[in-house]
ModelCIF file with pLDDT and N, C-alpha, C, O atoms, coordinates in Angstrom:
data_MODEL
#
_entry.id   MODEL 
#
_entity.id                         1 
_entity.type                       polymer 
_entity.pdbx_number_of_molecules   1 
#
_entity_poly.entity_id                      1 
_entity_poly.type                           'polypeptide(L)' 
_entity_poly.nstd_linkage                   no 
_entity_poly.nstd_monomer                   no 
_entity_poly.pdbx_seq_one_letter_code       GKFDNGWDEVIATRFAKQKSLGLVPSDAKLPSNDGRV 
_entity_poly.pdbx_seq_one_letter_code_can   GKFDNGWDEVIATRFAKQKSLGLVPSDAKLPSNDGRV 
_entity_poly.pdbx_strand_id                 A 
#
loop_
_entity_poly_seq.entity_id 
_entity_poly_seq.num 
_entity_poly_seq.mon_id 
_entity_poly_seq.hetero 
1 1  GLY n 
1 2  LYS n 
1 3  PHE n 
1 4  ASP n 
1 5  ASN n 
1 6  GLY n 
1 7  TRP n 
1 8  ASP n 
1 9  GLU n 
1 10 VAL n 
1 11 ILE n 
1 12 ALA n 
1 13 THR n 
1 14 ARG n 
1 15 PHE n 
1 16 ALA n 
1 17 LYS n 
1 18 GLN n 
1 19 LYS n 
1 20 SER n 
1 21 LEU n 
1 22 GLY n 
1 23 LEU n 
1 24 VAL n 
1 25 PRO n 
1 26 SER n 
1 27 ASP n 
1 28 ALA n 
1 29 LYS n 
1 30 LEU n 
1 31 PRO n 
1 32 SER n 
1 33 ASN n 
1 34 ASP n 
1 35 GLY n 
1 36 ARG n 
1 37 VAL n 
#
_struct_asym.id          A 
_struct_asym.entity_id   1 
#
loop_
_ma_qa_metric.id 
_ma_qa_metric.mode 
_ma_qa_metric.name 
_ma_qa_metric.software_group_id 
_ma_qa_metric.type 
1 global pLDDT . pLDDT 
2 local  pLDDT . pLDDT 
#
_ma_qa_metric_global.metric_id      1 
_ma_qa_metric_global.metric_value   95.76 
_ma_qa_metric_global.model_id       1 
_ma_qa_metric_global.ordinal_id     1 
#
loop_
_ma_qa_metric_local.label_asym_id 
_ma_qa_metric_local.label_comp_id 
_ma_qa_metric_local.label_seq_id 
_ma_qa_metric_local.metric_id 
_ma_qa_metric_local.metric_value 
_ma_qa_metric_local.model_id 
_ma_qa_metric_local.ordinal_id 
A GLY 1  2 97.00 1 1  
A LYS 2  2 98.00 1 2  
A PHE 3  2 98.00 1 3  
A ASP 4  2 98.00 1 4  
A ASN 5  2 97.00 1 5  
A GLY 6  2 98.00 1 6  
A TRP 7  2 98.00 1 7  
A ASP 8  2 97.00 1 8  
A GLU 9  2 98.00 1 9  
A VAL 10 2 98.00 1 10 
A ILE 11 2 98.00 1 11 
A ALA 12 2 97.00 1 12 
A THR 13 2 98.00 1 13 
A ARG 14 2 98.00 1 14 
A PHE 15 2 98.00 1 15 
A ALA 16 2 98.00 1 16 
A LYS 17 2 98.00 1 17 
A GLN 18 2 98.00 1 18 
A LYS 19 2 98.00 1 19 
A SER 20 2 98.00 1 20 
A LEU 21 2 97.00 1 21 
A GLY 22 2 97.00 1 22 
A LEU 23 2 98.00 1 23 
A VAL 24 2 97.00 1 24 
A PRO 25 2 96.00 1 25 
A SER 26 2 96.00 1 26 
A ASP 27 2 97.00 1 27 
A ALA 28 2 96.00 1 28 
A LYS 29 2 96.00 1 29 
A LEU 30 2 95.00 1 30 
A PRO 31 2 91.00 1 31 
A SER 32 2 86.00 1 32 
A ASN 33 2 79.00 1 33 
A ASP 34 2 86.00 1 34 
A GLY 35 2 90.00 1 35 
A ARG 36 2 94.00 1 36 
A VAL 37 2 96.00 1 37 
#
loop_
_atom_site.group_PDB 
_atom_site.id 
_atom_site.type_symbol 
_atom_site.label_atom_id 
_atom_site.label_alt_id 
_atom_site.label_comp_id 
_atom_site.label_asym_id 
_atom_site.label_entity_id 
_atom_site.label_seq_id 
_atom_site.pdbx_PDB_ins_code 
_atom_site.Cartn_x 
_atom_site.Cartn_y 
_atom_site.Cartn_z 
_atom_site.occupancy 
_atom_site.B_iso_or_equiv 
_atom_site.pdbx_formal_charge 
_atom_site.auth_seq_id 
_atom_site.auth_comp_id 
_atom_site.auth_asym_id 
_atom_site.auth_atom_id 
_atom_site.pdbx_PDB_model_num 
ATOM 1   N N  . GLY A 1 1  ? -40.599 31.219 16.485 1.00 97.00 ? 1  GLY A N  1 
ATOM 2   C CA . GLY A 1 1  ? -41.758 30.603 16.052 1.00 97.00 ? 1  GLY A CA 1 
ATOM 3   C C  . GLY A 1 1  ? -41.283 29.199 15.299 1.00 97.00 ? 1  GLY A C  1 
ATOM 4   O O  . GLY A 1 1  ? -42.131 28.355 15.012 1.00 97.00 ? 1  GLY A O  1 
ATOM 5   N N  . LYS A 1 2  ? -40.207 29.048 15.069 1.00 98.00 ? 2  LYS A N  1 
ATOM 6   C CA . LYS A 1 2  ? -39.631 27.809 14.304 1.00 98.00 ? 2  LYS A CA 1 
ATOM 7   C C  . LYS A 1 2  ? -39.925 26.513 14.904 1.00 98.00 ? 2  LYS A C  1 
ATOM 8   O O  . LYS A 1 2  ? -40.088 25.506 14.214 1.00 98.00 ? 2  LYS A O  1 
ATOM 9   N N  . PHE A 1 3  ? -39.999 26.520 16.214 1.00 98.00 ? 3  PHE A N  1 
ATOM 10  C CA . PHE A 1 3  ? -40.189 25.320 17.072 1.00 98.00 ? 3  PHE A CA 1 
ATOM 11  C C  . PHE A 1 3  ? -41.554 25.179 17.688 1.00 98.00 ? 3  PHE A C  1 
ATOM 12  O O  . PHE A 1 3  ? -41.776 24.373 18.591 1.00 98.00 ? 3  PHE A O  1 
ATOM 13  N N  . ASP A 1 4  ? -42.475 25.991 17.174 1.00 98.00 ? 4  ASP A N  1 
ATOM 14  C CA . ASP A 1 4  ? -43.942 25.872 17.832 1.00 98.00 ? 4  ASP A CA 1 
ATOM 15  C C  . ASP A 1 4  ? -44.542 24.589 17.559 1.00 98.00 ? 4  ASP A C  1 
ATOM 16  O O  . ASP A 1 4  ? -45.449 24.296 18.337 1.00 98.00 ? 4  ASP A O  1 
ATOM 17  N N  . ASN A 1 5  ? -44.266 23.716 16.629 1.00 97.00 ? 5  ASN A N  1 
ATOM 18  C CA . ASN A 1 5  ? -44.872 22.497 16.249 1.00 97.00 ? 5  ASN A CA 1 
ATOM 19  C C  . ASN A 1 5  ? -44.261 21.418 17.333 1.00 97.00 ? 5  ASN A C  1 
ATOM 20  O O  . ASN A 1 5  ? -44.840 20.342 17.478 1.00 97.00 ? 5  ASN A O  1 
ATOM 21  N N  . GLY A 1 6  ? -43.148 21.710 18.046 1.00 98.00 ? 6  GLY A N  1 
ATOM 22  C CA . GLY A 1 6  ? -42.768 20.822 19.154 1.00 98.00 ? 6  GLY A CA 1 
ATOM 23  C C  . GLY A 1 6  ? -41.882 19.772 18.767 1.00 98.00 ? 6  GLY A C  1 
ATOM 24  O O  . GLY A 1 6  ? -41.661 19.504 17.586 1.00 98.00 ? 6  GLY A O  1 
ATOM 25  N N  . TRP A 1 7  ? -41.318 19.113 19.826 1.00 98.00 ? 7  TRP A N  1 
ATOM 26  C CA . TRP A 1 7  ? -40.231 18.165 19.689 1.00 98.00 ? 7  TRP A CA 1 
ATOM 27  C C  . TRP A 1 7  ? -40.641 16.779 19.062 1.00 98.00 ? 7  TRP A C  1 
ATOM 28  O O  . TRP A 1 7  ? -39.753 16.059 18.605 1.00 98.00 ? 7  TRP A O  1 
ATOM 29  N N  . ASP A 1 8  ? -41.822 16.427 19.029 1.00 97.00 ? 8  ASP A N  1 
ATOM 30  C CA . ASP A 1 8  ? -42.254 15.123 18.409 1.00 97.00 ? 8  ASP A CA 1 
ATOM 31  C C  . ASP A 1 8  ? -42.099 15.317 16.835 1.00 97.00 ? 8  ASP A C  1 
ATOM 32  O O  . ASP A 1 8  ? -41.684 14.395 16.132 1.00 97.00 ? 8  ASP A O  1 
ATOM 33  N N  . GLU A 1 9  ? -42.393 16.355 16.399 1.00 98.00 ? 9  GLU A N  1 
ATOM 34  C CA . GLU A 1 9  ? -42.338 16.553 14.928 1.00 98.00 ? 9  GLU A CA 1 
ATOM 35  C C  . GLU A 1 9  ? -40.828 16.779 14.447 1.00 98.00 ? 9  GLU A C  1 
ATOM 36  O O  . GLU A 1 9  ? -40.374 16.501 13.337 1.00 98.00 ? 9  GLU A O  1 
ATOM 37  N N  . VAL A 1 10 ? -40.166 17.337 15.514 1.00 98.00 ? 10 VAL A N  1 
ATOM 38  C CA . VAL A 1 10 ? -38.659 17.481 15.096 1.00 98.00 ? 10 VAL A CA 1 
ATOM 39  C C  . VAL A 1 10 ? -37.850 16.242 15.114 1.00 98.00 ? 10 VAL A C  1 
ATOM 40  O O  . VAL A 1 10 ? -36.867 16.095 14.389 1.00 98.00 ? 10 VAL A O  1 
ATOM 41  N N  . ILE A 1 11 ? -38.309 15.284 16.015 1.00 98.00 ? 11 ILE A N  1 
ATOM 42  C CA . ILE A 1 11 ? -37.561 14.037 16.149 1.00 98.00 ? 11 ILE A CA 1 
ATOM 43  C C  . ILE A 1 11 ? -38.008 13.231 14.772 1.00 98.00 ? 11 ILE A C  1 
ATOM 44  O O  . ILE A 1 11 ? -37.128 12.696 14.097 1.00 98.00 ? 11 ILE A O  1 
ATOM 45  N N  . ALA A 1 12 ? -39.277 13.163 14.407 1.00 97.00 ? 12 ALA A N  1 
ATOM 46  C CA . ALA A 1 12 ? -39.794 12.588 13.213 1.00 97.00 ? 12 ALA A CA 1 
ATOM 47  C C  . ALA A 1 12 ? -39.068 13.092 12.016 1.00 97.00 ? 12 ALA A C  1 
ATOM 48  O O  . ALA A 1 12 ? -38.562 12.287 11.235 1.00 97.00 ? 12 ALA A O  1 
ATOM 49  N N  . THR A 1 13 ? -38.987 14.349 11.830 1.00 98.00 ? 13 THR A N  1 
ATOM 50  C CA . THR A 1 13 ? -38.302 14.994 10.729 1.00 98.00 ? 13 THR A CA 1 
ATOM 51  C C  . THR A 1 13 ? -36.896 14.572 10.652 1.00 98.00 ? 13 THR A C  1 
ATOM 52  O O  . THR A 1 13 ? -36.501 14.142 9.568  1.00 98.00 ? 13 THR A O  1 
ATOM 53  N N  . ARG A 1 14 ? -35.990 14.640 11.761 1.00 98.00 ? 14 ARG A N  1 
ATOM 54  C CA . ARG A 1 14 ? -34.718 14.304 11.838 1.00 98.00 ? 14 ARG A CA 1 
ATOM 55  C C  . ARG A 1 14 ? -34.336 12.932 11.453 1.00 98.00 ? 14 ARG A C  1 
ATOM 56  O O  . ARG A 1 14 ? -33.352 12.624 10.781 1.00 98.00 ? 14 ARG A O  1 
ATOM 57  N N  . PHE A 1 15 ? -35.321 12.054 12.010 1.00 98.00 ? 15 PHE A N  1 
ATOM 58  C CA . PHE A 1 15 ? -35.131 10.594 11.863 1.00 98.00 ? 15 PHE A CA 1 
ATOM 59  C C  . PHE A 1 15 ? -35.329 10.313 10.327 1.00 98.00 ? 15 PHE A C  1 
ATOM 60  O O  . PHE A 1 15 ? -34.528 9.574  9.755  1.00 98.00 ? 15 PHE A O  1 
ATOM 61  N N  . ALA A 1 16 ? -36.338 10.864 9.673  1.00 98.00 ? 16 ALA A N  1 
ATOM 62  C CA . ALA A 1 16 ? -36.437 10.559 8.250  1.00 98.00 ? 16 ALA A CA 1 
ATOM 63  C C  . ALA A 1 16 ? -35.258 11.139 7.452  1.00 98.00 ? 16 ALA A C  1 
ATOM 64  O O  . ALA A 1 16 ? -34.821 10.562 6.456  1.00 98.00 ? 16 ALA A O  1 
ATOM 65  N N  . LYS A 1 17 ? -34.814 12.158 7.862  1.00 98.00 ? 17 LYS A N  1 
ATOM 66  C CA . LYS A 1 17 ? -33.582 12.610 7.040  1.00 98.00 ? 17 LYS A CA 1 
ATOM 67  C C  . LYS A 1 17 ? -32.370 11.834 7.327  1.00 98.00 ? 17 LYS A C  1 
ATOM 68  O O  . LYS A 1 17 ? -31.466 11.713 6.501  1.00 98.00 ? 17 LYS A O  1 
ATOM 69  N N  . GLN A 1 18 ? -32.350 11.281 8.554  1.00 98.00 ? 18 GLN A N  1 
ATOM 70  C CA . GLN A 1 18 ? -31.189 10.429 8.788  1.00 98.00 ? 18 GLN A CA 1 
ATOM 71  C C  . GLN A 1 18 ? -31.143 9.270  7.915  1.00 98.00 ? 18 GLN A C  1 
ATOM 72  O O  . GLN A 1 18 ? -30.096 8.799  7.471  1.00 98.00 ? 18 GLN A O  1 
ATOM 73  N N  . LYS A 1 19 ? -32.394 8.790  7.664  1.00 98.00 ? 19 LYS A N  1 
ATOM 74  C CA . LYS A 1 19 ? -32.388 7.524  6.795  1.00 98.00 ? 19 LYS A CA 1 
ATOM 75  C C  . LYS A 1 19 ? -31.976 7.871  5.467  1.00 98.00 ? 19 LYS A C  1 
ATOM 76  O O  . LYS A 1 19 ? -31.206 7.147  4.837  1.00 98.00 ? 19 LYS A O  1 
ATOM 77  N N  . SER A 1 20 ? -32.533 9.144  4.916  1.00 98.00 ? 20 SER A N  1 
ATOM 78  C CA . SER A 1 20 ? -32.100 9.512  3.535  1.00 98.00 ? 20 SER A CA 1 
ATOM 79  C C  . SER A 1 20 ? -30.620 9.638  3.385  1.00 98.00 ? 20 SER A C  1 
ATOM 80  O O  . SER A 1 20 ? -30.010 9.269  2.381  1.00 98.00 ? 20 SER A O  1 
ATOM 81  N N  . LEU A 1 21 ? -30.005 10.250 4.579  1.00 97.00 ? 21 LEU A N  1 
ATOM 82  C CA . LEU A 1 21 ? -28.595 10.454 4.475  1.00 97.00 ? 21 LEU A CA 1 
ATOM 83  C C  . LEU A 1 21 ? -27.722 9.162  4.619  1.00 97.00 ? 21 LEU A C  1 
ATOM 84  O O  . LEU A 1 21 ? -26.491 9.171  4.574  1.00 97.00 ? 21 LEU A O  1 
ATOM 85  N N  . GLY A 1 22 ? -28.509 8.038  4.798  1.00 97.00 ? 22 GLY A N  1 
ATOM 86  C CA . GLY A 1 22 ? -27.718 6.888  5.034  1.00 97.00 ? 22 GLY A CA 1 
ATOM 87  C C  . GLY A 1 22 ? -27.036 6.484  6.443  1.00 97.00 ? 22 GLY A C  1 
ATOM 88  O O  . GLY A 1 22 ? -26.237 5.564  6.618  1.00 97.00 ? 22 GLY A O  1 
ATOM 89  N N  . LEU A 1 23 ? -27.501 7.325  7.342  1.00 98.00 ? 23 LEU A N  1 
ATOM 90  C CA . LEU A 1 23 ? -26.733 7.328  8.827  1.00 98.00 ? 23 LEU A CA 1 
ATOM 91  C C  . LEU A 1 23 ? -27.473 6.179  9.479  1.00 98.00 ? 23 LEU A C  1 
ATOM 92  O O  . LEU A 1 23 ? -26.798 5.467  10.223 1.00 98.00 ? 23 LEU A O  1 
ATOM 93  N N  . VAL A 1 24 ? -28.823 5.869  9.308  1.00 97.00 ? 24 VAL A N  1 
ATOM 94  C CA . VAL A 1 24 ? -29.398 4.753  10.149 1.00 97.00 ? 24 VAL A CA 1 
ATOM 95  C C  . VAL A 1 24 ? -30.150 3.832  8.989  1.00 97.00 ? 24 VAL A C  1 
ATOM 96  O O  . VAL A 1 24 ? -30.462 4.322  7.903  1.00 97.00 ? 24 VAL A O  1 
ATOM 97  N N  . PRO A 1 25 ? -30.363 2.680  9.274  1.00 96.00 ? 25 PRO A N  1 
ATOM 98  C CA . PRO A 1 25 ? -30.987 1.822  8.297  1.00 96.00 ? 25 PRO A CA 1 
ATOM 99  C C  . PRO A 1 25 ? -32.287 2.188  8.010  1.00 96.00 ? 25 PRO A C  1 
ATOM 100 O O  . PRO A 1 25 ? -32.992 2.745  8.853  1.00 96.00 ? 25 PRO A O  1 
ATOM 101 N N  . SER A 1 26 ? -32.714 1.891  6.758  1.00 96.00 ? 26 SER A N  1 
ATOM 102 C CA . SER A 1 26 ? -34.106 2.450  6.191  1.00 96.00 ? 26 SER A CA 1 
ATOM 103 C C  . SER A 1 26 ? -35.095 1.806  6.970  1.00 96.00 ? 26 SER A C  1 
ATOM 104 O O  . SER A 1 26 ? -36.158 2.421  7.042  1.00 96.00 ? 26 SER A O  1 
ATOM 105 N N  . ASP A 1 27 ? -35.019 0.658  7.610  1.00 97.00 ? 27 ASP A N  1 
ATOM 106 C CA . ASP A 1 27 ? -36.097 -0.104 8.430  1.00 97.00 ? 27 ASP A CA 1 
ATOM 107 C C  . ASP A 1 27 ? -35.889 0.254  9.857  1.00 97.00 ? 27 ASP A C  1 
ATOM 108 O O  . ASP A 1 27 ? -36.542 -0.384 10.684 1.00 97.00 ? 27 ASP A O  1 
ATOM 109 N N  . ALA A 1 28 ? -35.109 1.140  10.251 1.00 96.00 ? 28 ALA A N  1 
ATOM 110 C CA . ALA A 1 28 ? -34.942 1.504  11.775 1.00 96.00 ? 28 ALA A CA 1 
ATOM 111 C C  . ALA A 1 28 ? -36.172 1.948  12.324 1.00 96.00 ? 28 ALA A C  1 
ATOM 112 O O  . ALA A 1 28 ? -36.942 2.533  11.562 1.00 96.00 ? 28 ALA A O  1 
ATOM 113 N N  . LYS A 1 29 ? -36.528 1.758  13.628 1.00 96.00 ? 29 LYS A N  1 
ATOM 114 C CA . LYS A 1 29 ? -37.670 2.210  14.333 1.00 96.00 ? 29 LYS A CA 1 
ATOM 115 C C  . LYS A 1 29 ? -37.175 3.138  15.485 1.00 96.00 ? 29 LYS A C  1 
ATOM 116 O O  . LYS A 1 29 ? -36.161 2.932  16.153 1.00 96.00 ? 29 LYS A O  1 
ATOM 117 N N  . LEU A 1 30 ? -37.965 4.104  15.614 1.00 95.00 ? 30 LEU A N  1 
ATOM 118 C CA . LEU A 1 30 ? -37.566 5.062  16.881 1.00 95.00 ? 30 LEU A CA 1 
ATOM 119 C C  . LEU A 1 30 ? -37.938 4.455  18.211 1.00 95.00 ? 30 LEU A C  1 
ATOM 120 O O  . LEU A 1 30 ? -39.029 3.902  18.346 1.00 95.00 ? 30 LEU A O  1 
ATOM 121 N N  . PRO A 1 31 ? -37.174 4.530  19.074 1.00 91.00 ? 31 PRO A N  1 
ATOM 122 C CA . PRO A 1 31 ? -37.502 3.923  20.384 1.00 91.00 ? 31 PRO A CA 1 
ATOM 123 C C  . PRO A 1 31 ? -38.546 4.958  21.089 1.00 91.00 ? 31 PRO A C  1 
ATOM 124 O O  . PRO A 1 31 ? -38.751 6.111  20.708 1.00 91.00 ? 31 PRO A O  1 
ATOM 125 N N  . SER A 1 32 ? -39.149 4.323  22.173 1.00 86.00 ? 32 SER A N  1 
ATOM 126 C CA . SER A 1 32 ? -40.247 5.115  22.961 1.00 86.00 ? 32 SER A CA 1 
ATOM 127 C C  . SER A 1 32 ? -39.619 6.248  23.497 1.00 86.00 ? 32 SER A C  1 
ATOM 128 O O  . SER A 1 32 ? -38.401 6.268  23.676 1.00 86.00 ? 32 SER A O  1 
ATOM 129 N N  . ASN A 1 33 ? -40.482 7.366  23.816 1.00 79.00 ? 33 ASN A N  1 
ATOM 130 C CA . ASN A 1 33 ? -40.034 8.411  24.455 1.00 79.00 ? 33 ASN A CA 1 
ATOM 131 C C  . ASN A 1 33 ? -39.608 8.173  25.896 1.00 79.00 ? 33 ASN A C  1 
ATOM 132 O O  . ASN A 1 33 ? -40.110 7.257  26.547 1.00 79.00 ? 33 ASN A O  1 
ATOM 133 N N  . ASP A 1 34 ? -38.741 8.938  26.369 1.00 86.00 ? 34 ASP A N  1 
ATOM 134 C CA . ASP A 1 34 ? -38.411 8.956  27.866 1.00 86.00 ? 34 ASP A CA 1 
ATOM 135 C C  . ASP A 1 34 ? -39.709 9.281  28.554 1.00 86.00 ? 34 ASP A C  1 
ATOM 136 O O  . ASP A 1 34 ? -40.494 10.128 28.129 1.00 86.00 ? 34 ASP A O  1 
ATOM 137 N N  . GLY A 1 35 ? -39.911 8.485  29.758 1.00 90.00 ? 35 GLY A N  1 
ATOM 138 C CA . GLY A 1 35 ? -41.213 8.572  30.291 1.00 90.00 ? 35 GLY A CA 1 
ATOM 139 C C  . GLY A 1 35 ? -41.448 10.012 30.904 1.00 90.00 ? 35 GLY A C  1 
ATOM 140 O O  . GLY A 1 35 ? -42.580 10.429 31.150 1.00 90.00 ? 35 GLY A O  1 
ATOM 141 N N  . ARG A 1 36 ? -40.400 10.673 31.112 1.00 94.00 ? 36 ARG A N  1 
ATOM 142 C CA . ARG A 1 36 ? -40.548 12.029 31.744 1.00 94.00 ? 36 ARG A CA 1 
ATOM 143 C C  . ARG A 1 36 ? -40.911 13.144 30.790 1.00 94.00 ? 36 ARG A C  1 
ATOM 144 O O  . ARG A 1 36 ? -41.244 14.269 31.162 1.00 94.00 ? 36 ARG A O  1 
ATOM 145 N N  . VAL A 1 37 ? -40.821 12.738 29.497 1.00 96.00 ? 37 VAL A N  1 
ATOM 146 C CA . VAL A 1 37 ? -41.120 13.677 28.392 1.00 96.00 ? 37 VAL A CA 1 
ATOM 147 C C  . VAL A 1 37 ? -42.642 13.562 27.888 1.00 96.00 ? 37 VAL A C  1 
ATOM 148 O O  . VAL A 1 37 ? -43.045 14.280 26.973 1.00 96.00 ? 37 VAL A O  1 
#
């Protein structure tokens, strides 16, 4: 049941954490999804 909310939410959560960890710039934007997804 841990992933019932889906990949969009996981991507957003991970991206926010990466910013807080200093791995990506604070003003970075996510690219668009792969068209097959």
